mmCIF file of all heavy atoms, coordinates in Angstrom:
data_MODEL
# 
_entry.id   MODEL 
# 
loop_
_atom_site.group_PDB 
_atom_site.id 
_atom_site.type_symbol 
_atom_site.label_atom_id 
_atom_site.label_alt_id 
_atom_site.label_comp_id 
_atom_site.label_asym_id 
_atom_site.label_entity_id 
_atom_site.label_seq_id 
_atom_site.pdbx_PDB_ins_code 
_atom_site.Cartn_x 
_atom_site.Cartn_y 
_atom_site.Cartn_z 
_atom_site.occupancy 
_atom_site.B_iso_or_equiv 
_atom_site.pdbx_formal_charge 
_atom_site.auth_seq_id 
_atom_site.auth_comp_id 
_atom_site.auth_asym_id 
_atom_site.auth_atom_id 
_atom_site.pdbx_PDB_model_num 
ATOM 1   N N   . SER A 1 1  ? -92.566  -123.911 -131.339 1.00 0.00 ? 1  SER A N   1 
ATOM 2   C CA  . SER A 1 1  ? -92.200  -122.610 -130.815 1.00 0.00 ? 1  SER A CA  1 
ATOM 3   C C   . SER A 1 1  ? -91.052  -122.744 -129.828 1.00 0.00 ? 1  SER A C   1 
ATOM 4   O O   . SER A 1 1  ? -91.074  -123.659 -129.000 1.00 0.00 ? 1  SER A O   1 
ATOM 5   C CB  . SER A 1 1  ? -93.408  -121.967 -130.150 1.00 0.00 ? 1  SER A CB  1 
ATOM 6   O OG  . SER A 1 1  ? -93.061  -120.755 -129.510 1.00 0.00 ? 1  SER A OG  1 
ATOM 7   N N   . GLU A 1 2  ? -90.071  -121.837 -129.931 1.00 0.00 ? 2  GLU A N   1 
ATOM 8   C CA  . GLU A 1 2  ? -88.972  -121.858 -128.973 1.00 0.00 ? 2  GLU A CA  1 
ATOM 9   C C   . GLU A 1 2  ? -88.592  -120.414 -128.625 1.00 0.00 ? 2  GLU A C   1 
ATOM 10  O O   . GLU A 1 2  ? -88.736  -119.523 -129.449 1.00 0.00 ? 2  GLU A O   1 
ATOM 11  C CB  . GLU A 1 2  ? -87.775  -122.625 -129.510 1.00 0.00 ? 2  GLU A CB  1 
ATOM 12  C CG  . GLU A 1 2  ? -87.127  -122.024 -130.740 1.00 0.00 ? 2  GLU A CG  1 
ATOM 13  C CD  . GLU A 1 2  ? -85.996  -122.867 -131.279 1.00 0.00 ? 2  GLU A CD  1 
ATOM 14  O OE1 . GLU A 1 2  ? -85.270  -123.478 -130.495 1.00 0.00 ? 2  GLU A OE1 1 
ATOM 15  O OE2 . GLU A 1 2  ? -85.851  -122.928 -132.510 1.00 0.00 ? 2  GLU A OE2 1 
ATOM 16  N N   . LEU A 1 3  ? -88.113  -120.228 -127.413 1.00 0.00 ? 3  LEU A N   1 
ATOM 17  C CA  . LEU A 1 3  ? -87.684  -118.925 -126.944 1.00 0.00 ? 3  LEU A CA  1 
ATOM 18  C C   . LEU A 1 3  ? -86.473  -118.493 -127.753 1.00 0.00 ? 3  LEU A C   1 
ATOM 19  O O   . LEU A 1 3  ? -85.499  -119.241 -127.900 1.00 0.00 ? 3  LEU A O   1 
ATOM 20  C CB  . LEU A 1 3  ? -87.358  -118.998 -125.459 1.00 0.00 ? 3  LEU A CB  1 
ATOM 21  C CG  . LEU A 1 3  ? -87.033  -117.686 -124.756 1.00 0.00 ? 3  LEU A CG  1 
ATOM 22  C CD1 . LEU A 1 3  ? -88.219  -116.743 -124.798 1.00 0.00 ? 3  LEU A CD1 1 
ATOM 23  C CD2 . LEU A 1 3  ? -86.629  -117.955 -123.310 1.00 0.00 ? 3  LEU A CD2 1 
ATOM 24  N N   . LEU A 1 4  ? -86.526  -117.282 -128.274 1.00 0.00 ? 4  LEU A N   1 
ATOM 25  C CA  . LEU A 1 4  ? -85.427  -116.743 -129.068 1.00 0.00 ? 4  LEU A CA  1 
ATOM 26  C C   . LEU A 1 4  ? -84.594  -115.784 -128.229 1.00 0.00 ? 4  LEU A C   1 
ATOM 27  O O   . LEU A 1 4  ? -83.374  -115.832 -128.264 1.00 0.00 ? 4  LEU A O   1 
ATOM 28  C CB  . LEU A 1 4  ? -86.007  -116.054 -130.291 1.00 0.00 ? 4  LEU A CB  1 
ATOM 29  C CG  . LEU A 1 4  ? -85.084  -115.691 -131.453 1.00 0.00 ? 4  LEU A CG  1 
ATOM 30  C CD1 . LEU A 1 4  ? -84.404  -116.933 -131.998 1.00 0.00 ? 4  LEU A CD1 1 
ATOM 31  C CD2 . LEU A 1 4  ? -85.870  -115.017 -132.558 1.00 0.00 ? 4  LEU A CD2 1 
ATOM 32  N N   . ALA A 1 5  ? -85.259  -114.911 -127.472 1.00 0.00 ? 5  ALA A N   1 
ATOM 33  C CA  . ALA A 1 5  ? -84.557  -113.939 -126.622 1.00 0.00 ? 5  ALA A CA  1 
ATOM 34  C C   . ALA A 1 5  ? -85.451  -113.556 -125.449 1.00 0.00 ? 5  ALA A C   1 
ATOM 35  O O   . ALA A 1 5  ? -86.654  -113.412 -125.595 1.00 0.00 ? 5  ALA A O   1 
ATOM 36  C CB  . ALA A 1 5  ? -84.205  -112.695 -127.429 1.00 0.00 ? 5  ALA A CB  1 
ATOM 37  N N   . ASP A 1 6  ? -84.828  -113.403 -124.304 1.00 0.00 ? 6  ASP A N   1 
ATOM 38  C CA  . ASP A 1 6  ? -85.510  -112.891 -123.113 1.00 0.00 ? 6  ASP A CA  1 
ATOM 39  C C   . ASP A 1 6  ? -84.507  -111.979 -122.423 1.00 0.00 ? 6  ASP A C   1 
ATOM 40  O O   . ASP A 1 6  ? -83.665  -112.423 -121.674 1.00 0.00 ? 6  ASP A O   1 
ATOM 41  C CB  . ASP A 1 6  ? -85.954  -114.029 -122.196 1.00 0.00 ? 6  ASP A CB  1 
ATOM 42  C CG  . ASP A 1 6  ? -86.885  -113.550 -121.090 1.00 0.00 ? 6  ASP A CG  1 
ATOM 43  O OD1 . ASP A 1 6  ? -87.193  -112.337 -121.048 1.00 0.00 ? 6  ASP A OD1 1 
ATOM 44  O OD2 . ASP A 1 6  ? -87.308  -114.393 -120.277 1.00 0.00 ? 6  ASP A OD2 1 
ATOM 45  N N   . CYS A 1 7  ? -84.597  -110.697 -122.756 1.00 0.00 ? 7  CYS A N   1 
ATOM 46  C CA  . CYS A 1 7  ? -83.650  -109.718 -122.262 1.00 0.00 ? 7  CYS A CA  1 
ATOM 47  C C   . CYS A 1 7  ? -84.404  -108.459 -121.819 1.00 0.00 ? 7  CYS A C   1 
ATOM 48  O O   . CYS A 1 7  ? -85.615  -108.377 -121.972 1.00 0.00 ? 7  CYS A O   1 
ATOM 49  C CB  . CYS A 1 7  ? -82.606  -109.418 -123.330 1.00 0.00 ? 7  CYS A CB  1 
ATOM 50  S SG  . CYS A 1 7  ? -83.282  -108.854 -124.904 1.00 0.00 ? 7  CYS A SG  1 
ATOM 51  N N   . PRO A 1 8  ? -83.714  -107.472 -121.261 1.00 0.00 ? 8  PRO A N   1 
ATOM 52  C CA  . PRO A 1 8  ? -84.403  -106.278 -120.803 1.00 0.00 ? 8  PRO A CA  1 
ATOM 53  C C   . PRO A 1 8  ? -85.182  -105.535 -121.899 1.00 0.00 ? 8  PRO A C   1 
ATOM 54  O O   . PRO A 1 8  ? -86.167  -104.875 -121.634 1.00 0.00 ? 8  PRO A O   1 
ATOM 55  C CB  . PRO A 1 8  ? -83.278  -105.395 -120.265 1.00 0.00 ? 8  PRO A CB  1 
ATOM 56  C CG  . PRO A 1 8  ? -82.205  -106.348 -119.867 1.00 0.00 ? 8  PRO A CG  1 
ATOM 57  C CD  . PRO A 1 8  ? -82.294  -107.480 -120.873 1.00 0.00 ? 8  PRO A CD  1 
ATOM 58  N N   . GLU A 1 9  ? -84.774  -105.681 -123.160 1.00 0.00 ? 9  GLU A N   1 
ATOM 59  C CA  . GLU A 1 9  ? -85.416  -104.965 -124.257 1.00 0.00 ? 9  GLU A CA  1 
ATOM 60  C C   . GLU A 1 9  ? -86.635  -105.668 -124.813 1.00 0.00 ? 9  GLU A C   1 
ATOM 61  O O   . GLU A 1 9  ? -87.536  -105.018 -125.332 1.00 0.00 ? 9  GLU A O   1 
ATOM 62  C CB  . GLU A 1 9  ? -84.421  -104.739 -125.424 1.00 0.00 ? 9  GLU A CB  1 
ATOM 63  C CG  . GLU A 1 9  ? -83.262  -103.855 -125.086 1.00 0.00 ? 9  GLU A CG  1 
ATOM 64  C CD  . GLU A 1 9  ? -82.140  -104.607 -124.382 1.00 0.00 ? 9  GLU A CD  1 
ATOM 65  O OE1 . GLU A 1 9  ? -82.056  -105.829 -124.531 1.00 0.00 ? 9  GLU A OE1 1 
ATOM 66  O OE2 . GLU A 1 9  ? -81.352  -103.950 -123.678 1.00 0.00 ? 9  GLU A OE2 1 
ATOM 67  N N   . ARG A 1 10 ? -86.652  -107.012 -124.751 1.00 0.00 ? 10 ARG A N   1 
ATOM 68  C CA  . ARG A 1 10 ? -87.768  -107.747 -125.366 1.00 0.00 ? 10 ARG A CA  1 
ATOM 69  C C   . ARG A 1 10 ? -87.741  -109.217 -124.983 1.00 0.00 ? 10 ARG A C   1 
ATOM 70  O O   . ARG A 1 10 ? -86.722  -109.730 -124.538 1.00 0.00 ? 10 ARG A O   1 
ATOM 71  C CB  . ARG A 1 10 ? -87.726  -107.623 -126.882 1.00 0.00 ? 10 ARG A CB  1 
ATOM 72  C CG  . ARG A 1 10 ? -86.588  -108.425 -127.503 1.00 0.00 ? 10 ARG A CG  1 
ATOM 73  C CD  . ARG A 1 10 ? -86.463  -108.233 -128.983 1.00 0.00 ? 10 ARG A CD  1 
ATOM 74  N NE  . ARG A 1 10 ? -85.293  -108.877 -129.515 1.00 0.00 ? 10 ARG A NE  1 
ATOM 75  C CZ  . ARG A 1 10 ? -84.047  -108.476 -129.358 1.00 0.00 ? 10 ARG A CZ  1 
ATOM 76  N NH1 . ARG A 1 10 ? -83.794  -107.397 -128.685 1.00 0.00 ? 10 ARG A NH1 1 
ATOM 77  N NH2 . ARG A 1 10 ? -83.031  -109.143 -129.882 1.00 0.00 ? 10 ARG A NH2 1 
ATOM 78  N N   . CYS A 1 11 ? -88.861  -109.852 -125.222 1.00 0.00 ? 11 CYS A N   1 
ATOM 79  C CA  . CYS A 1 11 ? -88.966  -111.299 -125.145 1.00 0.00 ? 11 CYS A CA  1 
ATOM 80  C C   . CYS A 1 11 ? -89.519  -111.733 -126.484 1.00 0.00 ? 11 CYS A C   1 
ATOM 81  O O   . CYS A 1 11 ? -90.537  -111.222 -126.934 1.00 0.00 ? 11 CYS A O   1 
ATOM 82  C CB  . CYS A 1 11 ? -89.891  -111.715 -124.013 1.00 0.00 ? 11 CYS A CB  1 
ATOM 83  S SG  . CYS A 1 11 ? -90.063  -113.511 -123.858 1.00 0.00 ? 11 CYS A SG  1 
ATOM 84  N N   . SER A 1 12 ? -88.826  -112.637 -127.155 1.00 0.00 ? 12 SER A N   1 
ATOM 85  C CA  . SER A 1 12 ? -89.276  -113.062 -128.474 1.00 0.00 ? 12 SER A CA  1 
ATOM 86  C C   . SER A 1 12 ? -89.168  -114.572 -128.633 1.00 0.00 ? 12 SER A C   1 
ATOM 87  O O   . SER A 1 12 ? -88.408  -115.228 -127.927 1.00 0.00 ? 12 SER A O   1 
ATOM 88  C CB  . SER A 1 12 ? -88.468  -112.354 -129.581 1.00 0.00 ? 12 SER A CB  1 
ATOM 89  O OG  . SER A 1 12 ? -87.103  -112.662 -129.478 1.00 0.00 ? 12 SER A OG  1 
ATOM 90  N N   . VAL A 1 13 ? -89.959  -115.066 -129.546 1.00 0.00 ? 13 VAL A N   1 
ATOM 91  C CA  . VAL A 1 13 ? -89.972  -116.509 -129.835 1.00 0.00 ? 13 VAL A CA  1 
ATOM 92  C C   . VAL A 1 13 ? -89.761  -116.704 -131.343 1.00 0.00 ? 13 VAL A C   1 
ATOM 93  O O   . VAL A 1 13 ? -89.991  -115.809 -132.143 1.00 0.00 ? 13 VAL A O   1 
ATOM 94  C CB  . VAL A 1 13 ? -91.292  -117.179 -129.415 1.00 0.00 ? 13 VAL A CB  1 
ATOM 95  C CG1 . VAL A 1 13 ? -91.462  -117.160 -127.910 1.00 0.00 ? 13 VAL A CG1 1 
ATOM 96  C CG2 . VAL A 1 13 ? -92.483  -116.550 -130.116 1.00 0.00 ? 13 VAL A CG2 1 
ATOM 97  N N   . GLN A 1 14 ? -89.314  -117.900 -131.686 1.00 0.00 ? 14 GLN A N   1 
ATOM 98  C CA  . GLN A 1 14 ? -89.218  -118.312 -133.077 1.00 0.00 ? 14 GLN A CA  1 
ATOM 99  C C   . GLN A 1 14 ? -90.243  -119.417 -133.283 1.00 0.00 ? 14 GLN A C   1 
ATOM 100 O O   . GLN A 1 14 ? -90.300  -120.353 -132.485 1.00 0.00 ? 14 GLN A O   1 
ATOM 101 C CB  . GLN A 1 14 ? -87.815  -118.821 -133.393 1.00 0.00 ? 14 GLN A CB  1 
ATOM 102 C CG  . GLN A 1 14 ? -87.668  -119.273 -134.829 1.00 0.00 ? 14 GLN A CG  1 
ATOM 103 C CD  . GLN A 1 14 ? -86.215  -119.530 -135.157 1.00 0.00 ? 14 GLN A CD  1 
ATOM 104 O OE1 . GLN A 1 14 ? -85.465  -118.605 -135.386 1.00 0.00 ? 14 GLN A OE1 1 
ATOM 105 N NE2 . GLN A 1 14 ? -85.847  -120.795 -135.148 1.00 0.00 ? 14 GLN A NE2 1 
ATOM 106 N N   . ILE A 1 15 ? -91.040  -119.281 -134.326 1.00 0.00 ? 15 ILE A N   1 
ATOM 107 C CA  . ILE A 1 15 ? -92.112  -120.249 -134.594 1.00 0.00 ? 15 ILE A CA  1 
ATOM 108 C C   . ILE A 1 15 ? -91.836  -120.885 -135.963 1.00 0.00 ? 15 ILE A C   1 
ATOM 109 O O   . ILE A 1 15 ? -91.611  -120.197 -136.950 1.00 0.00 ? 15 ILE A O   1 
ATOM 110 C CB  . ILE A 1 15 ? -93.479  -119.555 -134.577 1.00 0.00 ? 15 ILE A CB  1 
ATOM 111 C CG1 . ILE A 1 15 ? -93.720  -118.966 -133.198 1.00 0.00 ? 15 ILE A CG1 1 
ATOM 112 C CG2 . ILE A 1 15 ? -94.582  -120.541 -134.951 1.00 0.00 ? 15 ILE A CG2 1 
ATOM 113 C CD1 . ILE A 1 15 ? -94.920  -118.070 -133.109 1.00 0.00 ? 15 ILE A CD1 1 
ATOM 114 N N   . THR A 1 16 ? -91.869  -122.206 -135.973 1.00 0.00 ? 16 THR A N   1 
ATOM 115 C CA  . THR A 1 16 ? -91.633  -122.948 -137.203 1.00 0.00 ? 16 THR A CA  1 
ATOM 116 C C   . THR A 1 16 ? -92.869  -123.774 -137.547 1.00 0.00 ? 16 THR A C   1 
ATOM 117 O O   . THR A 1 16 ? -93.254  -124.657 -136.760 1.00 0.00 ? 16 THR A O   1 
ATOM 118 C CB  . THR A 1 16 ? -90.427  -123.910 -137.036 1.00 0.00 ? 16 THR A CB  1 
ATOM 119 O OG1 . THR A 1 16 ? -89.303  -123.159 -136.579 1.00 0.00 ? 16 THR A OG1 1 
ATOM 120 C CG2 . THR A 1 16 ? -90.099  -124.614 -138.329 1.00 0.00 ? 16 THR A CG2 1 
ATOM 121 N N   . PRO A 1 17 ? -93.517  -123.494 -138.673 1.00 0.00 ? 17 PRO A N   1 
ATOM 122 C CA  . PRO A 1 17 ? -94.624  -124.351 -139.100 1.00 0.00 ? 17 PRO A CA  1 
ATOM 123 C C   . PRO A 1 17 ? -94.103  -125.757 -139.413 1.00 0.00 ? 17 PRO A C   1 
ATOM 124 O O   . PRO A 1 17 ? -93.034  -125.894 -140.010 1.00 0.00 ? 17 PRO A O   1 
ATOM 125 C CB  . PRO A 1 17 ? -95.158  -123.658 -140.352 1.00 0.00 ? 17 PRO A CB  1 
ATOM 126 C CG  . PRO A 1 17 ? -94.698  -122.231 -140.215 1.00 0.00 ? 17 PRO A CG  1 
ATOM 127 C CD  . PRO A 1 17 ? -93.363  -122.336 -139.533 1.00 0.00 ? 17 PRO A CD  1 
ATOM 128 N N   . LEU A 1 18 ? -94.839  -126.776 -139.008 1.00 0.00 ? 18 LEU A N   1 
ATOM 129 C CA  . LEU A 1 18 ? -94.436  -128.143 -139.251 1.00 0.00 ? 18 LEU A CA  1 
ATOM 130 C C   . LEU A 1 18 ? -95.150  -128.692 -140.486 1.00 0.00 ? 18 LEU A C   1 
ATOM 131 O O   . LEU A 1 18 ? -96.036  -128.043 -141.051 1.00 0.00 ? 18 LEU A O   1 
ATOM 132 C CB  . LEU A 1 18 ? -94.769  -128.993 -138.016 1.00 0.00 ? 18 LEU A CB  1 
ATOM 133 C CG  . LEU A 1 18 ? -94.069  -128.537 -136.724 1.00 0.00 ? 18 LEU A CG  1 
ATOM 134 C CD1 . LEU A 1 18 ? -94.533  -129.374 -135.539 1.00 0.00 ? 18 LEU A CD1 1 
ATOM 135 C CD2 . LEU A 1 18 ? -92.552  -128.616 -136.869 1.00 0.00 ? 18 LEU A CD2 1 
ATOM 136 N N   . SER A 1 19 ? -94.773  -129.889 -140.872 1.00 0.00 ? 19 SER A N   1 
ATOM 137 C CA  . SER A 1 19 ? -95.322  -130.462 -142.094 1.00 0.00 ? 19 SER A CA  1 
ATOM 138 C C   . SER A 1 19 ? -96.847  -130.660 -142.037 1.00 0.00 ? 19 SER A C   1 
ATOM 139 O O   . SER A 1 19 ? -97.509  -130.724 -143.059 1.00 0.00 ? 19 SER A O   1 
ATOM 140 C CB  . SER A 1 19 ? -94.655  -131.789 -142.409 1.00 0.00 ? 19 SER A CB  1 
ATOM 141 O OG  . SER A 1 19 ? -94.848  -132.725 -141.353 1.00 0.00 ? 19 SER A OG  1 
ATOM 142 N N   . GLY A 1 20 ? -97.405  -130.744 -140.822 1.00 0.00 ? 20 GLY A N   1 
ATOM 143 C CA  . GLY A 1 20 ? -98.848  -130.910 -140.674 1.00 0.00 ? 20 GLY A CA  1 
ATOM 144 C C   . GLY A 1 20 ? -99.640  -129.636 -140.868 1.00 0.00 ? 20 GLY A C   1 
ATOM 145 O O   . GLY A 1 20 ? -100.873 -129.657 -140.854 1.00 0.00 ? 20 GLY A O   1 
ATOM 146 N N   . PHE A 1 21 ? -98.969  -128.491 -141.061 1.00 0.00 ? 21 PHE A N   1 
ATOM 147 C CA  . PHE A 1 21 ? -99.663  -127.209 -141.267 1.00 0.00 ? 21 PHE A CA  1 
ATOM 148 C C   . PHE A 1 21 ? -100.300 -127.261 -142.660 1.00 0.00 ? 21 PHE A C   1 
ATOM 149 O O   . PHE A 1 21 ? -99.610  -127.293 -143.682 1.00 0.00 ? 21 PHE A O   1 
ATOM 150 C CB  . PHE A 1 21 ? -98.668  -126.049 -141.200 1.00 0.00 ? 21 PHE A CB  1 
ATOM 151 C CG  . PHE A 1 21 ? -99.328  -124.700 -141.044 1.00 0.00 ? 21 PHE A CG  1 
ATOM 152 C CD1 . PHE A 1 21 ? -99.393  -124.095 -139.817 1.00 0.00 ? 21 PHE A CD1 1 
ATOM 153 C CD2 . PHE A 1 21 ? -99.884  -124.041 -142.137 1.00 0.00 ? 21 PHE A CD2 1 
ATOM 154 C CE1 . PHE A 1 21 ? -99.996  -122.851 -139.655 1.00 0.00 ? 21 PHE A CE1 1 
ATOM 155 C CE2 . PHE A 1 21 ? -100.484 -122.822 -142.002 1.00 0.00 ? 21 PHE A CE2 1 
ATOM 156 C CZ  . PHE A 1 21 ? -100.537 -122.216 -140.756 1.00 0.00 ? 21 PHE A CZ  1 
ATOM 157 N N   . GLY A 1 22 ? -101.611 -127.296 -142.683 1.00 0.00 ? 22 GLY A N   1 
ATOM 158 C CA  . GLY A 1 22 ? -102.337 -127.488 -143.942 1.00 0.00 ? 22 GLY A CA  1 
ATOM 159 C C   . GLY A 1 22 ? -102.957 -126.227 -144.488 1.00 0.00 ? 22 GLY A C   1 
ATOM 160 O O   . GLY A 1 22 ? -102.875 -125.144 -143.904 1.00 0.00 ? 22 GLY A O   1 
ATOM 161 N N   . PRO A 1 23 ? -103.647 -126.344 -145.614 1.00 0.00 ? 23 PRO A N   1 
ATOM 162 C CA  . PRO A 1 23 ? -104.240 -125.183 -146.271 1.00 0.00 ? 23 PRO A CA  1 
ATOM 163 C C   . PRO A 1 23 ? -105.423 -124.570 -145.513 1.00 0.00 ? 23 PRO A C   1 
ATOM 164 O O   . PRO A 1 23 ? -105.768 -123.422 -145.749 1.00 0.00 ? 23 PRO A O   1 
ATOM 165 C CB  . PRO A 1 23 ? -104.717 -125.727 -147.616 1.00 0.00 ? 23 PRO A CB  1 
ATOM 166 C CG  . PRO A 1 23 ? -104.839 -127.211 -147.414 1.00 0.00 ? 23 PRO A CG  1 
ATOM 167 C CD  . PRO A 1 23 ? -103.833 -127.574 -146.380 1.00 0.00 ? 23 PRO A CD  1 
ATOM 168 N N   . ASP A 1 24 ? -105.989 -125.294 -144.561 1.00 0.00 ? 24 ASP A N   1 
ATOM 169 C CA  . ASP A 1 24 ? -107.101 -124.762 -143.760 1.00 0.00 ? 24 ASP A CA  1 
ATOM 170 C C   . ASP A 1 24 ? -106.652 -124.306 -142.382 1.00 0.00 ? 24 ASP A C   1 
ATOM 171 O O   . ASP A 1 24 ? -107.504 -123.992 -141.535 1.00 0.00 ? 24 ASP A O   1 
ATOM 172 C CB  . ASP A 1 24 ? -108.193 -125.817 -143.640 1.00 0.00 ? 24 ASP A CB  1 
ATOM 173 C CG  . ASP A 1 24 ? -108.841 -126.153 -144.974 1.00 0.00 ? 24 ASP A CG  1 
ATOM 174 O OD1 . ASP A 1 24 ? -108.942 -125.241 -145.821 1.00 0.00 ? 24 ASP A OD1 1 
ATOM 175 O OD2 . ASP A 1 24 ? -109.234 -127.304 -145.167 1.00 0.00 ? 24 ASP A OD2 1 
ATOM 176 N N   . ASP A 1 25 ? -105.360 -124.288 -142.131 1.00 0.00 ? 25 ASP A N   1 
ATOM 177 C CA  . ASP A 1 25 ? -104.841 -123.880 -140.821 1.00 0.00 ? 25 ASP A CA  1 
ATOM 178 C C   . ASP A 1 25 ? -104.482 -122.408 -140.814 1.00 0.00 ? 25 ASP A C   1 
ATOM 179 O O   . ASP A 1 25 ? -104.366 -121.766 -141.877 1.00 0.00 ? 25 ASP A O   1 
ATOM 180 C CB  . ASP A 1 25 ? -103.606 -124.713 -140.464 1.00 0.00 ? 25 ASP A CB  1 
ATOM 181 C CG  . ASP A 1 25 ? -103.968 -126.148 -140.111 1.00 0.00 ? 25 ASP A CG  1 
ATOM 182 O OD1 . ASP A 1 25 ? -104.937 -126.338 -139.351 1.00 0.00 ? 25 ASP A OD1 1 
ATOM 183 O OD2 . ASP A 1 25 ? -103.297 -127.051 -140.614 1.00 0.00 ? 25 ASP A OD2 1 
ATOM 184 N N   . TYR A 1 26 ? -104.294 -121.859 -139.594 1.00 0.00 ? 26 TYR A N   1 
ATOM 185 C CA  . TYR A 1 26 ? -103.877 -120.475 -139.463 1.00 0.00 ? 26 TYR A CA  1 
ATOM 186 C C   . TYR A 1 26 ? -102.881 -120.306 -138.334 1.00 0.00 ? 26 TYR A C   1 
ATOM 187 O O   . TYR A 1 26 ? -102.764 -121.138 -137.452 1.00 0.00 ? 26 TYR A O   1 
ATOM 188 C CB  . TYR A 1 26 ? -105.090 -119.556 -139.234 1.00 0.00 ? 26 TYR A CB  1 
ATOM 189 C CG  . TYR A 1 26 ? -105.867 -119.796 -137.947 1.00 0.00 ? 26 TYR A CG  1 
ATOM 190 C CD1 . TYR A 1 26 ? -105.385 -119.356 -136.720 1.00 0.00 ? 26 TYR A CD1 1 
ATOM 191 C CD2 . TYR A 1 26 ? -107.087 -120.443 -137.966 1.00 0.00 ? 26 TYR A CD2 1 
ATOM 192 C CE1 . TYR A 1 26 ? -106.098 -119.565 -135.548 1.00 0.00 ? 26 TYR A CE1 1 
ATOM 193 C CE2 . TYR A 1 26 ? -107.800 -120.665 -136.806 1.00 0.00 ? 26 TYR A CE2 1 
ATOM 194 C CZ  . TYR A 1 26 ? -107.314 -120.222 -135.609 1.00 0.00 ? 26 TYR A CZ  1 
ATOM 195 O OH  . TYR A 1 26 ? -108.022 -120.439 -134.450 1.00 0.00 ? 26 TYR A OH  1 
ATOM 196 N N   . LEU A 1 27 ? -102.180 -119.181 -138.395 1.00 0.00 ? 27 LEU A N   1 
ATOM 197 C CA  . LEU A 1 27 ? -101.294 -118.721 -137.351 1.00 0.00 ? 27 LEU A CA  1 
ATOM 198 C C   . LEU A 1 27 ? -101.559 -117.231 -137.240 1.00 0.00 ? 27 LEU A C   1 
ATOM 199 O O   . LEU A 1 27 ? -101.416 -116.478 -138.238 1.00 0.00 ? 27 LEU A O   1 
ATOM 200 C CB  . LEU A 1 27 ? -99.832  -118.989 -137.742 1.00 0.00 ? 27 LEU A CB  1 
ATOM 201 C CG  . LEU A 1 27 ? -98.788  -118.841 -136.656 1.00 0.00 ? 27 LEU A CG  1 
ATOM 202 C CD1 . LEU A 1 27 ? -99.060  -119.794 -135.492 1.00 0.00 ? 27 LEU A CD1 1 
ATOM 203 C CD2 . LEU A 1 27 ? -97.401  -119.101 -137.221 1.00 0.00 ? 27 LEU A CD2 1 
ATOM 204 N N   . VAL A 1 28 ? -102.019 -116.776 -136.084 1.00 0.00 ? 28 VAL A N   1 
ATOM 205 C CA  . VAL A 1 28 ? -102.468 -115.406 -135.900 1.00 0.00 ? 28 VAL A CA  1 
ATOM 206 C C   . VAL A 1 28 ? -101.752 -114.777 -134.698 1.00 0.00 ? 28 VAL A C   1 
ATOM 207 O O   . VAL A 1 28 ? -101.587 -115.424 -133.670 1.00 0.00 ? 28 VAL A O   1 
ATOM 208 C CB  . VAL A 1 28 ? -103.998 -115.339 -135.694 1.00 0.00 ? 28 VAL A CB  1 
ATOM 209 C CG1 . VAL A 1 28 ? -104.443 -113.947 -135.282 1.00 0.00 ? 28 VAL A CG1 1 
ATOM 210 C CG2 . VAL A 1 28 ? -104.734 -115.775 -136.948 1.00 0.00 ? 28 VAL A CG2 1 
ATOM 211 N N   . GLU A 1 29 ? -101.352 -113.527 -134.846 1.00 0.00 ? 29 GLU A N   1 
ATOM 212 C CA  . GLU A 1 29 ? -100.732 -112.757 -133.787 1.00 0.00 ? 29 GLU A CA  1 
ATOM 213 C C   . GLU A 1 29 ? -101.751 -111.745 -133.244 1.00 0.00 ? 29 GLU A C   1 
ATOM 214 O O   . GLU A 1 29 ? -102.340 -110.990 -134.033 1.00 0.00 ? 29 GLU A O   1 
ATOM 215 C CB  . GLU A 1 29 ? -99.510  -112.025 -134.342 1.00 0.00 ? 29 GLU A CB  1 
ATOM 216 C CG  . GLU A 1 29 ? -98.873  -111.069 -133.373 1.00 0.00 ? 29 GLU A CG  1 
ATOM 217 C CD  . GLU A 1 29 ? -97.812  -110.225 -134.094 1.00 0.00 ? 29 GLU A CD  1 
ATOM 218 O OE1 . GLU A 1 29 ? -98.173  -109.154 -134.633 1.00 0.00 ? 29 GLU A OE1 1 
ATOM 219 O OE2 . GLU A 1 29 ? -96.653  -110.656 -134.114 1.00 0.00 ? 29 GLU A OE2 1 
ATOM 220 N N   . VAL A 1 30 ? -101.977 -111.750 -131.935 1.00 0.00 ? 30 VAL A N   1 
ATOM 221 C CA  . VAL A 1 30 ? -102.888 -110.806 -131.293 1.00 0.00 ? 30 VAL A CA  1 
ATOM 222 C C   . VAL A 1 30 ? -102.050 -109.868 -130.423 1.00 0.00 ? 30 VAL A C   1 
ATOM 223 O O   . VAL A 1 30 ? -101.340 -110.329 -129.546 1.00 0.00 ? 30 VAL A O   1 
ATOM 224 C CB  . VAL A 1 30 ? -103.966 -111.521 -130.446 1.00 0.00 ? 30 VAL A CB  1 
ATOM 225 C CG1 . VAL A 1 30 ? -104.843 -110.502 -129.718 1.00 0.00 ? 30 VAL A CG1 1 
ATOM 226 C CG2 . VAL A 1 30 ? -104.805 -112.446 -131.303 1.00 0.00 ? 30 VAL A CG2 1 
ATOM 227 N N   . THR A 1 31 ? -102.137 -108.573 -130.703 1.00 0.00 ? 31 THR A N   1 
ATOM 228 C CA  . THR A 1 31 ? -101.344 -107.572 -129.970 1.00 0.00 ? 31 THR A CA  1 
ATOM 229 C C   . THR A 1 31 ? -102.259 -106.823 -129.029 1.00 0.00 ? 31 THR A C   1 
ATOM 230 O O   . THR A 1 31 ? -103.325 -106.364 -129.413 1.00 0.00 ? 31 THR A O   1 
ATOM 231 C CB  . THR A 1 31 ? -100.673 -106.578 -130.951 1.00 0.00 ? 31 THR A CB  1 
ATOM 232 O OG1 . THR A 1 31 ? -99.850  -107.303 -131.855 1.00 0.00 ? 31 THR A OG1 1 
ATOM 233 C CG2 . THR A 1 31 ? -99.845  -105.551 -130.200 1.00 0.00 ? 31 THR A CG2 1 
# 
């Protein structure tokens, strides 16, 4: 994960799954 933008309108990140991300793994967003 790396910071993509931090400005008055928003703060966002870019997330890159790595080679170790397997079929039993998850990535979940909680709002």
